[in-house]
């Protein structure tokens, strides 16, 4: 939660409402990975490599808590 308080002034200049939404999504993904004991950079790299060929009906397999089990 400390990162949220520290970043608050930085997010003021996200550029636009869309930029702010994108930053919020990225921040949520990173913090979810951390909460599940997963290295966010490794998880995001792996997920982005696999997502293009992954079936949409099995998207839950790419979530951080599933990555932690592998």
N, C-alpha and C. Protein backbone atom coordinates (compact mmCIF):
# COMPACT_ATOMS: atom_id res chain seq x y z
N UNK A 1 0.81 -1.18 0.00
CA UNK A 1 0.00 0.00 0.00
C UNK A 1 0.86 1.27 0.00
N UNK A 2 2.07 1.14 0.49
CA UNK A 2 2.95 2.31 0.52
C UNK A 2 3.23 2.81 -0.89
N UNK A 3 3.36 1.89 -1.84
CA UNK A 3 3.63 2.28 -3.22
C UNK A 3 2.50 3.12 -3.79
N UNK A 4 1.28 2.83 -3.37
CA UNK A 4 0.13 3.61 -3.84
C UNK A 4 0.25 5.06 -3.35
N UNK A 5 0.58 5.22 -2.09
CA UNK A 5 0.71 6.56 -1.53
C UNK A 5 1.87 7.32 -2.16
N UNK A 6 2.96 6.65 -2.41
CA UNK A 6 4.13 7.30 -3.02
C UNK A 6 3.85 7.69 -4.46
N UNK A 7 3.16 6.83 -5.17
CA UNK A 7 2.91 7.09 -6.59
C UNK A 7 1.77 8.04 -6.87
N UNK A 8 1.01 8.40 -5.88
CA UNK A 8 -0.20 9.22 -6.08
C UNK A 8 0.09 10.49 -6.88
N UNK A 9 1.15 11.19 -6.56
CA UNK A 9 1.47 12.43 -7.29
C UNK A 9 1.92 12.12 -8.71
N UNK A 10 2.60 11.00 -8.90
CA UNK A 10 3.05 10.64 -10.24
C UNK A 10 1.88 10.31 -11.15
N UNK A 11 0.84 9.71 -10.61
CA UNK A 11 -0.30 9.30 -11.42
C UNK A 11 -1.15 10.48 -11.85
N UNK A 12 -0.97 11.61 -11.21
CA UNK A 12 -1.69 12.81 -11.59
C UNK A 12 -1.38 13.17 -13.04
N UNK A 13 -0.19 12.80 -13.49
CA UNK A 13 0.25 13.15 -14.83
C UNK A 13 0.29 11.93 -15.75
N UNK A 14 -0.71 11.07 -15.65
CA UNK A 14 -0.77 9.87 -16.49
C UNK A 14 -1.01 10.23 -17.95
N UNK A 15 -1.40 11.46 -18.22
CA UNK A 15 -1.56 11.91 -19.59
C UNK A 15 -3.02 12.05 -20.00
N UNK A 16 -3.83 11.09 -19.62
CA UNK A 16 -5.24 11.12 -19.98
C UNK A 16 -5.98 10.11 -19.11
N UNK A 17 -7.29 10.11 -19.24
CA UNK A 17 -8.08 9.14 -18.49
C UNK A 17 -7.74 7.72 -18.94
N UNK A 18 -7.55 7.54 -20.23
CA UNK A 18 -7.17 6.23 -20.76
C UNK A 18 -5.80 5.79 -20.25
N UNK A 19 -4.86 6.72 -20.18
CA UNK A 19 -3.54 6.43 -19.64
C UNK A 19 -3.61 6.04 -18.18
N UNK A 20 -4.48 6.71 -17.44
CA UNK A 20 -4.68 6.38 -16.03
C UNK A 20 -5.26 4.99 -15.86
N UNK A 21 -6.21 4.62 -16.72
CA UNK A 21 -6.79 3.27 -16.67
C UNK A 21 -5.74 2.21 -16.99
N UNK A 22 -4.92 2.48 -17.99
CA UNK A 22 -3.87 1.54 -18.35
C UNK A 22 -2.87 1.35 -17.22
N UNK A 23 -2.51 2.45 -16.57
CA UNK A 23 -1.59 2.37 -15.43
C UNK A 23 -2.22 1.57 -14.29
N UNK A 24 -3.51 1.78 -14.05
CA UNK A 24 -4.20 1.05 -12.98
C UNK A 24 -4.23 -0.45 -13.26
N UNK A 25 -4.46 -0.82 -14.51
CA UNK A 25 -4.48 -2.23 -14.89
C UNK A 25 -3.10 -2.85 -14.69
N UNK A 26 -2.07 -2.17 -15.17
CA UNK A 26 -0.71 -2.68 -15.02
C UNK A 26 -0.34 -2.82 -13.55
N UNK A 27 -0.68 -1.82 -12.74
CA UNK A 27 -0.38 -1.86 -11.32
C UNK A 27 -1.10 -3.01 -10.64
N UNK A 28 -2.36 -3.23 -11.01
CA UNK A 28 -3.15 -4.33 -10.44
C UNK A 28 -2.52 -5.68 -10.77
N UNK A 29 -2.10 -5.87 -12.01
CA UNK A 29 -1.47 -7.13 -12.40
C UNK A 29 -0.18 -7.38 -11.62
N UNK A 30 0.63 -6.36 -11.50
CA UNK A 30 1.90 -6.49 -10.79
C UNK A 30 1.68 -6.80 -9.31
N UNK A 31 0.78 -6.07 -8.68
CA UNK A 31 0.53 -6.30 -7.25
C UNK A 31 -0.13 -7.66 -7.00
N UNK A 32 -0.98 -8.12 -7.91
CA UNK A 32 -1.58 -9.45 -7.77
C UNK A 32 -0.51 -10.53 -7.83
N UNK A 33 0.43 -10.36 -8.74
CA UNK A 33 1.53 -11.33 -8.82
C UNK A 33 2.34 -11.33 -7.52
N UNK A 34 2.63 -10.16 -6.99
CA UNK A 34 3.39 -10.07 -5.73
C UNK A 34 2.65 -10.74 -4.59
N UNK A 35 1.34 -10.51 -4.50
CA UNK A 35 0.54 -11.10 -3.43
C UNK A 35 0.52 -12.63 -3.50
N UNK A 36 0.73 -13.17 -4.70
CA UNK A 36 0.74 -14.62 -4.88
C UNK A 36 2.15 -15.19 -4.84
N UNK A 37 3.13 -14.38 -4.44
CA UNK A 37 4.50 -14.86 -4.31
C UNK A 37 5.19 -15.13 -5.64
N UNK A 38 4.80 -14.42 -6.67
CA UNK A 38 5.34 -14.62 -8.01
C UNK A 38 6.14 -13.38 -8.41
N UNK A 39 7.27 -13.60 -9.06
CA UNK A 39 8.07 -12.49 -9.59
C UNK A 39 7.26 -11.85 -10.73
N UNK A 40 6.82 -10.60 -10.58
CA UNK A 40 5.97 -9.98 -11.59
C UNK A 40 6.59 -9.92 -12.98
N UNK A 41 7.88 -9.64 -13.06
CA UNK A 41 8.52 -9.54 -14.37
C UNK A 41 8.56 -10.89 -15.07
N UNK A 42 8.89 -11.94 -14.33
CA UNK A 42 8.93 -13.28 -14.92
C UNK A 42 7.54 -13.71 -15.36
N UNK A 43 6.54 -13.45 -14.52
CA UNK A 43 5.16 -13.84 -14.85
C UNK A 43 4.65 -13.09 -16.07
N UNK A 44 4.84 -11.77 -16.09
CA UNK A 44 4.37 -10.98 -17.23
C UNK A 44 5.08 -11.38 -18.52
N UNK A 45 6.38 -11.63 -18.44
CA UNK A 45 7.13 -12.05 -19.63
C UNK A 45 6.58 -13.37 -20.16
N UNK A 46 6.39 -14.32 -19.27
CA UNK A 46 5.86 -15.63 -19.67
C UNK A 46 4.45 -15.51 -20.22
N UNK A 47 3.61 -14.74 -19.55
CA UNK A 47 2.22 -14.58 -19.98
C UNK A 47 2.13 -13.90 -21.33
N UNK A 48 2.89 -12.85 -21.54
CA UNK A 48 2.84 -12.15 -22.82
C UNK A 48 3.39 -13.01 -23.96
N UNK A 49 4.34 -13.89 -23.66
CA UNK A 49 4.85 -14.81 -24.67
C UNK A 49 3.81 -15.86 -25.06
N UNK A 50 2.99 -16.28 -24.10
CA UNK A 50 2.05 -17.37 -24.32
C UNK A 50 0.65 -16.94 -24.75
N UNK A 51 0.26 -15.71 -24.47
CA UNK A 51 -1.14 -15.31 -24.60
C UNK A 51 -1.66 -15.32 -26.04
N UNK A 52 -0.82 -15.02 -27.01
CA UNK A 52 -1.27 -14.96 -28.41
C UNK A 52 -1.76 -16.32 -28.91
N UNK A 53 -1.14 -17.39 -28.46
CA UNK A 53 -1.51 -18.74 -28.92
C UNK A 53 -2.39 -19.48 -27.93
N UNK A 54 -2.82 -18.81 -26.88
CA UNK A 54 -3.58 -19.46 -25.81
C UNK A 54 -5.08 -19.38 -26.11
N UNK A 55 -5.80 -20.44 -25.84
CA UNK A 55 -7.24 -20.44 -26.06
C UNK A 55 -7.93 -19.53 -25.05
N UNK A 56 -8.89 -18.75 -25.53
CA UNK A 56 -9.59 -17.81 -24.66
C UNK A 56 -10.39 -18.53 -23.58
N UNK A 57 -10.81 -19.73 -23.84
CA UNK A 57 -11.59 -20.48 -22.85
C UNK A 57 -10.71 -21.00 -21.71
N UNK A 58 -9.40 -20.93 -21.88
CA UNK A 58 -8.47 -21.41 -20.85
C UNK A 58 -7.59 -20.28 -20.32
N UNK A 59 -8.10 -19.05 -20.38
CA UNK A 59 -7.31 -17.89 -19.98
C UNK A 59 -6.95 -17.92 -18.50
N UNK A 60 -7.76 -18.60 -17.69
CA UNK A 60 -7.47 -18.69 -16.26
C UNK A 60 -6.15 -19.39 -15.96
N UNK A 61 -5.63 -20.15 -16.90
CA UNK A 61 -4.35 -20.84 -16.73
C UNK A 61 -3.18 -19.86 -16.70
N UNK A 62 -3.39 -18.64 -17.16
CA UNK A 62 -2.32 -17.65 -17.22
C UNK A 62 -2.28 -16.72 -16.00
N UNK A 63 -3.20 -16.89 -15.07
CA UNK A 63 -3.26 -16.03 -13.90
C UNK A 63 -2.11 -16.32 -12.94
N UNK A 64 -1.71 -15.31 -12.15
CA UNK A 64 -0.53 -15.47 -11.29
C UNK A 64 -0.60 -16.63 -10.32
N UNK A 65 -1.75 -16.91 -9.72
CA UNK A 65 -1.81 -18.01 -8.76
C UNK A 65 -1.66 -19.35 -9.43
N UNK A 66 -2.00 -19.47 -10.70
CA UNK A 66 -1.73 -20.71 -11.44
C UNK A 66 -0.26 -20.82 -11.80
N UNK A 67 0.36 -19.69 -12.10
CA UNK A 67 1.79 -19.65 -12.41
C UNK A 67 2.61 -20.09 -11.21
N UNK A 68 2.17 -19.69 -10.02
CA UNK A 68 2.87 -20.05 -8.79
C UNK A 68 2.84 -21.54 -8.55
N UNK A 69 1.79 -22.24 -9.01
CA UNK A 69 1.66 -23.67 -8.80
C UNK A 69 2.56 -24.47 -9.74
N UNK A 70 2.92 -23.90 -10.89
CA UNK A 70 3.75 -24.62 -11.88
C UNK A 70 5.15 -24.85 -11.42
